């Protein structure tokens, strides 16, 4: 809301380029918006997304960290940091960032909830995995989201809740008969 109109215009143009997969153009526009208004957290967030999509992971991380610093309540910044960490097999950092994202906004993102469940399952933090998988289920479990049943079932199986584990694993197989 404090960004000057010319920074907002560049930000909006950058969003459009990002949505169209024109990552170099998006990066240029977000960088220009940030030069005009360095405290533009949303612009830093989307600069990170454009950089990550272009394969520049390390400088994408810097942009996400800057966004998180500028707006500590912006749940998407730790979500993106968590996804980057997971992609680099840094599961401890991934769990920390994803947990923070969910803490900031528990119902904001299926991707954050599901990813947090997977990472915590891999770390054998079954209670957190189960809680995050249940949060992901609130977004539904059809289509590409069906795998959340598998993750929840595996977390429950690990803690000895076999009857409910069986239900979720069966639901996963019902939704994905070729699995």
N, C-alpha and C. Protein backbone atom coordinates (compact mmCIF):
# COMPACT_ATOMS: atom_id res chain seq x y z
N UNK A 1 0.82 -1.21 0.00
CA UNK A 1 0.00 0.00 0.00
C UNK A 1 0.85 1.25 0.00
N UNK A 2 2.10 1.15 0.46
CA UNK A 2 2.98 2.31 0.50
C UNK A 2 3.79 2.47 -0.78
N UNK A 3 3.78 1.48 -1.63
CA UNK A 3 4.61 1.53 -2.84
C UNK A 3 4.12 2.63 -3.78
N UNK A 4 5.05 3.36 -4.37
CA UNK A 4 4.66 4.39 -5.33
C UNK A 4 4.04 3.77 -6.59
N UNK A 5 3.20 4.53 -7.27
CA UNK A 5 2.49 3.98 -8.44
C UNK A 5 3.40 3.38 -9.51
N UNK A 6 4.57 3.99 -9.75
CA UNK A 6 5.44 3.43 -10.79
C UNK A 6 6.01 2.08 -10.36
N UNK A 7 6.26 1.86 -9.07
CA UNK A 7 6.72 0.56 -8.58
C UNK A 7 5.59 -0.46 -8.69
N UNK A 8 4.38 -0.03 -8.38
CA UNK A 8 3.23 -0.93 -8.48
C UNK A 8 3.02 -1.36 -9.93
N UNK A 9 3.17 -0.43 -10.85
CA UNK A 9 3.00 -0.75 -12.27
C UNK A 9 4.03 -1.78 -12.72
N UNK A 10 5.28 -1.60 -12.31
CA UNK A 10 6.32 -2.57 -12.65
C UNK A 10 6.03 -3.93 -12.00
N UNK A 11 5.58 -3.90 -10.76
CA UNK A 11 5.23 -5.14 -10.05
C UNK A 11 4.13 -5.88 -10.80
N UNK A 12 3.08 -5.19 -11.19
CA UNK A 12 1.97 -5.82 -11.90
C UNK A 12 2.41 -6.37 -13.26
N UNK A 13 3.27 -5.63 -13.95
CA UNK A 13 3.80 -6.12 -15.22
C UNK A 13 4.66 -7.37 -14.99
N UNK A 14 5.43 -7.35 -13.90
CA UNK A 14 6.24 -8.52 -13.54
C UNK A 14 5.38 -9.73 -13.24
N UNK A 15 4.27 -9.53 -12.52
CA UNK A 15 3.35 -10.63 -12.24
C UNK A 15 2.80 -11.23 -13.53
N UNK A 16 2.44 -10.36 -14.44
CA UNK A 16 1.90 -10.83 -15.73
C UNK A 16 2.96 -11.66 -16.47
N UNK A 17 4.19 -11.18 -16.50
CA UNK A 17 5.27 -11.92 -17.16
C UNK A 17 5.54 -13.25 -16.46
N UNK A 18 5.50 -13.23 -15.14
CA UNK A 18 5.72 -14.45 -14.37
C UNK A 18 4.65 -15.48 -14.70
N UNK A 19 3.40 -15.06 -14.75
CA UNK A 19 2.29 -15.97 -15.06
C UNK A 19 2.40 -16.53 -16.48
N UNK A 20 3.00 -15.77 -17.37
CA UNK A 20 3.15 -16.22 -18.75
C UNK A 20 4.44 -17.01 -18.97
N UNK A 21 5.23 -17.18 -17.90
CA UNK A 21 6.47 -17.93 -18.02
C UNK A 21 7.61 -17.14 -18.64
N UNK A 22 7.47 -15.83 -18.70
CA UNK A 22 8.53 -14.96 -19.24
C UNK A 22 9.41 -14.50 -18.06
N UNK A 23 10.23 -15.43 -17.59
CA UNK A 23 10.97 -15.20 -16.35
C UNK A 23 11.99 -14.07 -16.43
N UNK A 24 12.76 -13.93 -17.52
CA UNK A 24 13.70 -12.80 -17.58
C UNK A 24 12.99 -11.44 -17.51
N UNK A 25 11.85 -11.34 -18.19
CA UNK A 25 11.09 -10.08 -18.14
C UNK A 25 10.54 -9.84 -16.73
N UNK A 26 10.04 -10.88 -16.10
CA UNK A 26 9.52 -10.75 -14.74
C UNK A 26 10.62 -10.32 -13.78
N UNK A 27 11.78 -10.95 -13.89
CA UNK A 27 12.91 -10.60 -13.03
C UNK A 27 13.26 -9.13 -13.19
N UNK A 28 13.35 -8.68 -14.43
CA UNK A 28 13.70 -7.28 -14.71
C UNK A 28 12.69 -6.33 -14.08
N UNK A 29 11.40 -6.63 -14.24
CA UNK A 29 10.37 -5.75 -13.69
C UNK A 29 10.37 -5.74 -12.17
N UNK A 30 10.51 -6.91 -11.54
CA UNK A 30 10.54 -6.95 -10.08
C UNK A 30 11.78 -6.25 -9.53
N UNK A 31 12.92 -6.45 -10.19
CA UNK A 31 14.14 -5.76 -9.75
C UNK A 31 13.97 -4.25 -9.87
N UNK A 32 13.34 -3.79 -10.94
CA UNK A 32 13.11 -2.35 -11.12
C UNK A 32 12.16 -1.82 -10.06
N UNK A 33 11.11 -2.57 -9.76
CA UNK A 33 10.17 -2.16 -8.71
C UNK A 33 10.88 -2.08 -7.36
N UNK A 34 11.77 -3.02 -7.10
CA UNK A 34 12.50 -3.03 -5.83
C UNK A 34 13.51 -1.89 -5.73
N UNK A 35 14.04 -1.46 -6.86
CA UNK A 35 14.95 -0.30 -6.84
C UNK A 35 14.18 0.97 -6.49
N UNK A 36 12.97 1.08 -7.01
CA UNK A 36 12.14 2.25 -6.73
C UNK A 36 11.66 2.21 -5.27
N UNK A 37 11.25 1.03 -4.83
CA UNK A 37 10.72 0.89 -3.47
C UNK A 37 11.32 -0.37 -2.84
N UNK A 38 12.46 -0.24 -2.17
CA UNK A 38 13.18 -1.39 -1.62
C UNK A 38 12.42 -2.17 -0.54
N UNK A 39 11.37 -1.60 0.02
CA UNK A 39 10.62 -2.27 1.08
C UNK A 39 9.38 -3.00 0.57
N UNK A 40 9.35 -3.33 -0.70
CA UNK A 40 8.20 -3.95 -1.36
C UNK A 40 8.28 -5.47 -1.19
N UNK A 41 7.78 -5.98 -0.08
CA UNK A 41 7.89 -7.40 0.25
C UNK A 41 7.30 -8.31 -0.82
N UNK A 42 6.12 -7.97 -1.33
CA UNK A 42 5.48 -8.80 -2.36
C UNK A 42 6.32 -8.86 -3.62
N UNK A 43 6.98 -7.76 -3.95
CA UNK A 43 7.83 -7.74 -5.12
C UNK A 43 9.06 -8.62 -4.91
N UNK A 44 9.65 -8.57 -3.72
CA UNK A 44 10.79 -9.45 -3.41
C UNK A 44 10.36 -10.92 -3.47
N UNK A 45 9.18 -11.23 -2.95
CA UNK A 45 8.66 -12.59 -2.98
C UNK A 45 8.56 -13.09 -4.42
N UNK A 46 7.96 -12.29 -5.27
CA UNK A 46 7.77 -12.70 -6.66
C UNK A 46 9.05 -12.65 -7.46
N UNK A 47 9.99 -11.81 -7.07
CA UNK A 47 11.31 -11.84 -7.69
C UNK A 47 11.95 -13.20 -7.38
N UNK A 48 11.82 -13.65 -6.16
CA UNK A 48 12.34 -14.96 -5.80
C UNK A 48 11.69 -16.07 -6.61
N UNK A 49 10.39 -15.98 -6.80
CA UNK A 49 9.68 -16.99 -7.59
C UNK A 49 10.16 -17.00 -9.04
N UNK A 50 10.34 -15.82 -9.60
CA UNK A 50 10.82 -15.73 -10.98
C UNK A 50 12.25 -16.26 -11.09
N UNK A 51 13.09 -15.90 -10.14
CA UNK A 51 14.47 -16.40 -10.16
C UNK A 51 14.51 -17.92 -9.99
N UNK A 52 13.70 -18.44 -9.08
CA UNK A 52 13.66 -19.90 -8.88
C UNK A 52 13.19 -20.59 -10.15
N UNK A 53 12.17 -20.05 -10.79
CA UNK A 53 11.65 -20.65 -12.02
C UNK A 53 12.69 -20.60 -13.13
N UNK A 54 13.57 -19.60 -13.09
CA UNK A 54 14.64 -19.47 -14.09
C UNK A 54 15.85 -20.31 -13.71
N UNK A 55 15.81 -20.97 -12.55
CA UNK A 55 16.90 -21.84 -12.14
C UNK A 55 17.97 -21.19 -11.28
N UNK A 56 17.77 -19.94 -10.90
CA UNK A 56 18.75 -19.21 -10.08
C UNK A 56 18.36 -19.37 -8.60
N UNK A 57 18.60 -20.55 -8.06
CA UNK A 57 18.11 -20.91 -6.74
C UNK A 57 18.73 -20.06 -5.63
N UNK A 58 20.03 -19.88 -5.64
CA UNK A 58 20.68 -19.15 -4.55
C UNK A 58 20.21 -17.70 -4.46
N UNK A 59 20.11 -17.02 -5.60
CA UNK A 59 19.65 -15.64 -5.52
C UNK A 59 18.13 -15.56 -5.32
N UNK A 60 17.43 -16.63 -5.67
CA UNK A 60 16.00 -16.70 -5.34
C UNK A 60 15.85 -16.75 -3.82
N UNK A 61 16.67 -17.56 -3.17
CA UNK A 61 16.64 -17.68 -1.71
C UNK A 61 16.85 -16.30 -1.06
N UNK A 62 17.79 -15.54 -1.59
CA UNK A 62 18.06 -14.20 -1.06
C UNK A 62 16.81 -13.31 -1.15
N UNK A 63 16.10 -13.40 -2.26
CA UNK A 63 14.90 -12.59 -2.44
C UNK A 63 13.81 -13.03 -1.46
N UNK A 64 13.65 -14.34 -1.25
CA UNK A 64 12.66 -14.83 -0.29
C UNK A 64 13.01 -14.40 1.13
N UNK A 65 14.29 -14.46 1.47
CA UNK A 65 14.72 -14.02 2.80
C UNK A 65 14.45 -12.53 2.99
N UNK A 66 14.67 -11.75 1.95
CA UNK A 66 14.40 -10.30 2.02
C UNK A 66 12.90 -10.06 2.21
N UNK A 67 12.07 -10.80 1.50
CA UNK A 67 10.62 -10.65 1.64
C UNK A 67 10.19 -10.99 3.07
N UNK A 68 10.75 -12.07 3.62
CA UNK A 68 10.41 -12.48 4.98
C UNK A 68 10.87 -11.44 6.00
N UNK A 69 12.01 -10.84 5.74
CA UNK A 69 12.53 -9.79 6.63
C UNK A 69 11.63 -8.55 6.60
N UNK A 70 11.19 -8.18 5.42
CA UNK A 70 10.36 -6.99 5.27
C UNK A 70 8.96 -7.17 5.83
N UNK A 71 8.41 -8.38 5.69
CA UNK A 71 7.07 -8.66 6.18
C UNK A 71 7.06 -10.00 6.91
N UNK A 72 7.34 -9.99 8.21
CA UNK A 72 7.41 -11.24 8.97
C UNK A 72 6.09 -12.01 9.02
N UNK A 73 5.00 -11.40 8.60
CA UNK A 73 3.70 -12.09 8.59
C UNK A 73 3.36 -12.67 7.23
N UNK A 74 4.23 -12.55 6.26
CA UNK A 74 4.01 -13.03 4.90
C UNK A 74 4.31 -14.53 4.84
N UNK A 75 3.28 -15.36 4.93
CA UNK A 75 3.44 -16.81 5.02
C UNK A 75 4.07 -17.42 3.76
N UNK A 76 3.93 -16.77 2.63
CA UNK A 76 4.46 -17.33 1.39
C UNK A 76 5.98 -17.34 1.34
N UNK A 77 6.64 -16.41 2.02
CA UNK A 77 8.11 -16.37 1.98
C UNK A 77 8.72 -17.61 2.65
N UNK A 78 8.34 -17.95 3.89
CA UNK A 78 8.89 -19.19 4.43
C UNK A 78 8.42 -20.44 3.68
N UNK A 79 7.24 -20.39 3.10
CA UNK A 79 6.79 -21.52 2.28
C UNK A 79 7.76 -21.75 1.12
N UNK A 80 8.08 -20.67 0.41
CA UNK A 80 9.00 -20.79 -0.73
C UNK A 80 10.39 -21.22 -0.27
N UNK A 81 10.85 -20.70 0.87
CA UNK A 81 12.15 -21.11 1.41
C UNK A 81 12.13 -22.60 1.77
N UNK A 82 11.02 -23.05 2.33
CA UNK A 82 10.89 -24.47 2.66
C UNK A 82 10.91 -25.36 1.43
N UNK A 83 10.24 -24.92 0.38
CA UNK A 83 10.23 -25.71 -0.85
C UNK A 83 11.61 -25.76 -1.49
N UNK A 84 12.33 -24.63 -1.44
CA UNK A 84 13.71 -24.63 -1.96
C UNK A 84 14.57 -25.60 -1.16
N UNK A 85 14.46 -25.54 0.16
CA UNK A 85 15.26 -26.42 1.02
C UNK A 85 14.91 -27.88 0.75
N UNK A 86 13.64 -28.18 0.60
CA UNK A 86 13.23 -29.57 0.31
C UNK A 86 13.81 -30.02 -1.02
N UNK A 87 13.80 -29.13 -2.00
CA UNK A 87 14.35 -29.46 -3.31
C UNK A 87 15.84 -29.73 -3.27
N UNK A 88 16.50 -29.21 -2.26
CA UNK A 88 17.94 -29.44 -2.10
C UNK A 88 18.21 -30.49 -1.01
N UNK A 89 17.19 -31.23 -0.62
CA UNK A 89 17.27 -32.31 0.38
C UNK A 89 17.73 -31.84 1.75
N UNK A 90 17.50 -30.57 2.06
CA UNK A 90 17.77 -30.05 3.40
C UNK A 90 16.45 -30.12 4.18
N UNK A 91 16.13 -31.32 4.64
CA UNK A 91 14.82 -31.56 5.23
C UNK A 91 14.61 -30.82 6.54
N UNK A 92 15.65 -30.65 7.33
CA UNK A 92 15.52 -29.94 8.60
C UNK A 92 15.14 -28.49 8.36
N UNK A 93 15.84 -27.83 7.43
CA UNK A 93 15.49 -26.45 7.10
C UNK A 93 14.11 -26.37 6.45
N UNK A 94 13.81 -27.33 5.59
CA UNK A 94 12.50 -27.35 4.93
C UNK A 94 11.39 -27.43 5.97
N UNK A 95 11.54 -28.32 6.94
CA UNK A 95 10.52 -28.46 7.99
C UNK A 95 10.39 -27.17 8.78
N UNK A 96 11.51 -26.56 9.12
CA UNK A 96 11.48 -25.32 9.91
C UNK A 96 10.72 -24.22 9.15
N UNK A 97 11.05 -24.03 7.89
CA UNK A 97 10.40 -22.98 7.11
C UNK A 97 8.92 -23.29 6.85
N UNK A 98 8.62 -24.53 6.51
CA UNK A 98 7.23 -24.89 6.22
C UNK A 98 6.37 -24.81 7.48
N UNK A 99 6.92 -25.26 8.61
CA UNK A 99 6.20 -25.12 9.88
C UNK A 99 5.89 -23.65 10.16
N UNK A 100 6.86 -22.78 9.88
CA UNK A 100 6.66 -21.33 10.11
C UNK A 100 5.57 -20.80 9.18
N UNK A 101 5.58 -21.21 7.95
CA UNK A 101 4.56 -20.77 7.00
C UNK A 101 3.16 -21.16 7.48
N UNK A 102 3.02 -22.39 7.94
CA UNK A 102 1.73 -22.86 8.41
C UNK A 102 1.34 -22.16 9.70
N UNK A 103 2.31 -21.88 10.56
CA UNK A 103 2.03 -21.16 11.79
C UNK A 103 1.49 -19.76 11.47
N UNK A 104 2.07 -19.12 10.47
CA UNK A 104 1.64 -17.77 10.10
C UNK A 104 0.24 -17.76 9.49
N UNK A 105 -0.07 -18.77 8.70
CA UNK A 105 -1.37 -18.83 8.04
C UNK A 105 -1.77 -20.28 7.80
N UNK A 106 -2.40 -20.91 8.80
CA UNK A 106 -2.67 -22.35 8.74
C UNK A 106 -3.49 -22.81 7.54
N UNK A 107 -4.32 -22.00 7.02
CA UNK A 107 -5.18 -22.43 5.92
C UNK A 107 -4.84 -21.81 4.59
N UNK A 108 -3.63 -21.31 4.44
CA UNK A 108 -3.33 -20.54 3.24
C UNK A 108 -2.97 -21.38 2.02
N UNK A 109 -2.34 -22.54 2.23
CA UNK A 109 -1.78 -23.22 1.07
C UNK A 109 -1.78 -24.74 1.22
N UNK A 110 -2.40 -25.40 0.28
CA UNK A 110 -2.31 -26.86 0.23
C UNK A 110 -0.85 -27.27 0.09
N UNK A 111 -0.15 -26.59 -0.79
CA UNK A 111 1.25 -26.93 -1.08
C UNK A 111 2.10 -26.89 0.17
N UNK A 112 1.91 -25.87 1.02
CA UNK A 112 2.68 -25.77 2.26
C UNK A 112 2.32 -26.91 3.21
N UNK A 113 1.03 -27.18 3.37
CA UNK A 113 0.59 -28.24 4.28
C UNK A 113 1.06 -29.61 3.81
N UNK A 114 0.87 -29.89 2.54
CA UNK A 114 1.27 -31.19 2.00
C UNK A 114 2.79 -31.37 2.08
N UNK A 115 3.53 -30.36 1.66
CA UNK A 115 4.99 -30.44 1.68
C UNK A 115 5.51 -30.60 3.11
N UNK A 116 4.90 -29.90 4.05
CA UNK A 116 5.29 -30.02 5.45
C UNK A 116 5.02 -31.45 5.94
N UNK A 117 3.89 -32.02 5.53
CA UNK A 117 3.57 -33.39 5.92
C UNK A 117 4.61 -34.37 5.37
N UNK A 118 4.98 -34.22 4.12
CA UNK A 118 5.95 -35.12 3.50
C UNK A 118 7.31 -35.00 4.19
N UNK A 119 7.76 -33.77 4.36
CA UNK A 119 9.07 -33.54 4.97
C UNK A 119 9.11 -34.11 6.39
N UNK A 120 8.08 -33.85 7.16
CA UNK A 120 8.06 -34.35 8.54
C UNK A 120 7.90 -35.87 8.59
N UNK A 121 7.21 -36.45 7.63
CA UNK A 121 7.15 -37.91 7.55
C UNK A 121 8.56 -38.47 7.32
N UNK A 122 9.29 -37.85 6.41
CA UNK A 122 10.65 -38.30 6.13
C UNK A 122 11.57 -38.12 7.33
N UNK A 123 11.32 -37.09 8.14
CA UNK A 123 12.12 -36.85 9.34
C UNK A 123 11.66 -37.67 10.53
N UNK A 124 10.60 -38.44 10.32
CA UNK A 124 9.99 -39.28 11.38
C UNK A 124 9.38 -38.44 12.50
N UNK A 125 8.91 -37.26 12.14
CA UNK A 125 8.12 -36.42 13.06
C UNK A 125 6.65 -36.68 12.73
N UNK A 126 6.19 -37.84 13.13
CA UNK A 126 4.89 -38.34 12.69
C UNK A 126 3.72 -37.50 13.15
N UNK A 127 3.81 -36.93 14.36
CA UNK A 127 2.70 -36.11 14.84
C UNK A 127 2.54 -34.85 14.00
N UNK A 128 3.66 -34.23 13.64
CA UNK A 128 3.61 -33.03 12.79
C UNK A 128 3.15 -33.41 11.39
N UNK A 129 3.66 -34.53 10.88
CA UNK A 129 3.24 -35.00 9.55
C UNK A 129 1.74 -35.23 9.50
N UNK A 130 1.22 -35.86 10.55
CA UNK A 130 -0.22 -36.12 10.59
C UNK A 130 -1.02 -34.82 10.65
N UNK A 131 -0.59 -33.90 11.50
CA UNK A 131 -1.30 -32.62 11.63
C UNK A 131 -1.30 -31.85 10.30
N UNK A 132 -0.14 -31.82 9.64
CA UNK A 132 -0.06 -31.09 8.36
C UNK A 132 -0.86 -31.79 7.27
N UNK A 133 -0.84 -33.11 7.26
CA UNK A 133 -1.63 -33.85 6.26
C UNK A 133 -3.13 -33.61 6.47
N UNK A 134 -3.55 -33.57 7.72
CA UNK A 134 -4.96 -33.28 8.00
C UNK A 134 -5.32 -31.86 7.54
N UNK A 135 -4.39 -30.93 7.74
CA UNK A 135 -4.63 -29.56 7.25
C UNK A 135 -4.72 -29.55 5.72
N UNK A 136 -3.89 -30.33 5.06
CA UNK A 136 -3.94 -30.42 3.60
C UNK A 136 -5.25 -31.04 3.12
N UNK A 137 -5.77 -31.99 3.88
CA UNK A 137 -7.03 -32.63 3.50
C UNK A 137 -8.20 -31.64 3.47
N UNK A 138 -8.09 -30.56 4.22
CA UNK A 138 -9.17 -29.54 4.20
C UNK A 138 -9.32 -28.91 2.83
N UNK A 139 -8.29 -29.04 1.99
CA UNK A 139 -8.36 -28.50 0.63
C UNK A 139 -8.95 -29.52 -0.35
N UNK A 140 -9.21 -30.74 0.13
CA UNK A 140 -9.74 -31.79 -0.72
C UNK A 140 -8.68 -32.85 -0.97
N UNK A 141 -9.10 -33.95 -1.57
CA UNK A 141 -8.14 -35.02 -1.82
C UNK A 141 -8.32 -35.65 -3.20
N UNK A 142 -8.89 -34.92 -4.12
CA UNK A 142 -9.07 -35.48 -5.46
C UNK A 142 -7.95 -35.01 -6.38
N UNK A 143 -7.83 -35.66 -7.49
CA UNK A 143 -6.84 -35.28 -8.49
C UNK A 143 -5.42 -35.39 -7.95
N UNK A 144 -4.65 -34.35 -8.18
CA UNK A 144 -3.25 -34.35 -7.75
C UNK A 144 -3.11 -34.31 -6.24
N UNK A 145 -4.16 -34.01 -5.53
CA UNK A 145 -4.11 -33.91 -4.08
C UNK A 145 -4.38 -35.26 -3.39
N UNK A 146 -4.62 -36.29 -4.15
CA UNK A 146 -4.96 -37.59 -3.57
C UNK A 146 -3.84 -38.17 -2.73
N UNK A 147 -2.61 -37.85 -3.06
CA UNK A 147 -1.46 -38.45 -2.37
C UNK A 147 -1.40 -38.07 -0.89
N UNK A 148 -2.10 -37.03 -0.49
CA UNK A 148 -2.11 -36.65 0.92
C UNK A 148 -2.67 -37.79 1.77
N UNK A 149 -3.57 -38.58 1.22
CA UNK A 149 -4.08 -39.74 1.95
C UNK A 149 -2.98 -40.76 2.22
N UNK A 150 -2.10 -40.94 1.24
CA UNK A 150 -0.98 -41.86 1.43
C UNK A 150 -0.06 -41.35 2.55
N UNK A 151 0.26 -40.07 2.52
CA UNK A 151 1.15 -39.50 3.54
C UNK A 151 0.52 -39.62 4.92
N UNK A 152 -0.75 -39.28 5.03
CA UNK A 152 -1.45 -39.39 6.32
C UNK A 152 -1.50 -40.85 6.78
N UNK A 153 -1.81 -41.74 5.88
CA UNK A 153 -1.86 -43.16 6.22
C UNK A 153 -0.51 -43.68 6.71
N UNK A 154 0.57 -43.25 6.07
CA UNK A 154 1.90 -43.71 6.48
C UNK A 154 2.28 -43.14 7.85
N UNK A 155 1.91 -41.89 8.11
CA UNK A 155 2.19 -41.30 9.43
C UNK A 155 1.42 -42.05 10.51
N UNK A 156 0.18 -42.38 10.23
CA UNK A 156 -0.62 -43.11 11.21
C UNK A 156 -0.12 -44.54 11.40
N UNK A 157 0.30 -45.15 10.34
CA UNK A 157 0.85 -46.50 10.43
C UNK A 157 2.10 -46.50 11.32
N UNK A 158 2.92 -45.47 11.19
CA UNK A 158 4.15 -45.37 11.99
C UNK A 158 3.86 -45.20 13.47
N UNK A 159 2.71 -44.62 13.79
CA UNK A 159 2.37 -44.42 15.21
C UNK A 159 1.44 -45.50 15.74
N UNK A 160 1.14 -46.49 14.92
CA UNK A 160 0.33 -47.61 15.38
C UNK A 160 -1.16 -47.43 15.24
N UNK A 161 -1.59 -46.38 14.59
CA UNK A 161 -3.03 -46.17 14.37
C UNK A 161 -3.43 -46.90 13.09
N UNK A 162 -3.37 -48.21 13.15
CA UNK A 162 -3.57 -49.03 11.96
C UNK A 162 -4.96 -48.93 11.32
N UNK A 163 -6.05 -48.89 12.10
CA UNK A 163 -7.37 -48.81 11.44
C UNK A 163 -7.54 -47.54 10.60
N UNK A 164 -7.17 -46.40 11.15
CA UNK A 164 -7.31 -45.17 10.37
C UNK A 164 -6.29 -45.12 9.24
N UNK A 165 -5.10 -45.65 9.48
CA UNK A 165 -4.08 -45.72 8.43
C UNK A 165 -4.63 -46.50 7.25
N UNK A 166 -5.27 -47.62 7.54
CA UNK A 166 -5.84 -48.45 6.48
C UNK A 166 -6.89 -47.67 5.68
N UNK A 167 -7.72 -46.89 6.37
CA UNK A 167 -8.75 -46.10 5.69
C UNK A 167 -8.12 -45.11 4.71
N UNK A 168 -7.08 -44.41 5.16
CA UNK A 168 -6.46 -43.39 4.29
C UNK A 168 -5.68 -44.03 3.15
N UNK A 169 -5.01 -45.13 3.43
CA UNK A 169 -4.29 -45.81 2.36
C UNK A 169 -5.27 -46.40 1.34
N UNK A 170 -6.41 -46.90 1.80
CA UNK A 170 -7.43 -47.41 0.88
C UNK A 170 -8.02 -46.27 0.05
N UNK A 171 -8.25 -45.13 0.69
CA UNK A 171 -8.77 -43.96 -0.03
C UNK A 171 -7.79 -43.55 -1.14
N UNK A 172 -6.51 -43.58 -0.81
CA UNK A 172 -5.50 -43.24 -1.82
C UNK A 172 -5.58 -44.21 -3.00
N UNK A 173 -5.69 -45.51 -2.70
CA UNK A 173 -5.78 -46.50 -3.78
C UNK A 173 -7.09 -46.38 -4.57
N UNK A 174 -8.17 -46.02 -3.88
CA UNK A 174 -9.44 -45.81 -4.58
C UNK A 174 -9.33 -44.65 -5.57
N UNK A 175 -8.62 -43.60 -5.15
CA UNK A 175 -8.47 -42.43 -6.02
C UNK A 175 -7.42 -42.64 -7.11
N UNK A 176 -6.48 -43.56 -6.85
CA UNK A 176 -5.40 -43.86 -7.81
C UNK A 176 -5.28 -45.37 -7.99
N UNK A 177 -6.18 -45.96 -8.73
CA UNK A 177 -6.18 -47.42 -8.84
C UNK A 177 -4.90 -47.99 -9.44
N UNK A 178 -4.14 -47.20 -10.17
CA UNK A 178 -2.90 -47.68 -10.77
C UNK A 178 -1.70 -47.49 -9.87
N UNK A 179 -1.93 -46.95 -8.67
CA UNK A 179 -0.80 -46.70 -7.76
C UNK A 179 -0.21 -47.99 -7.24
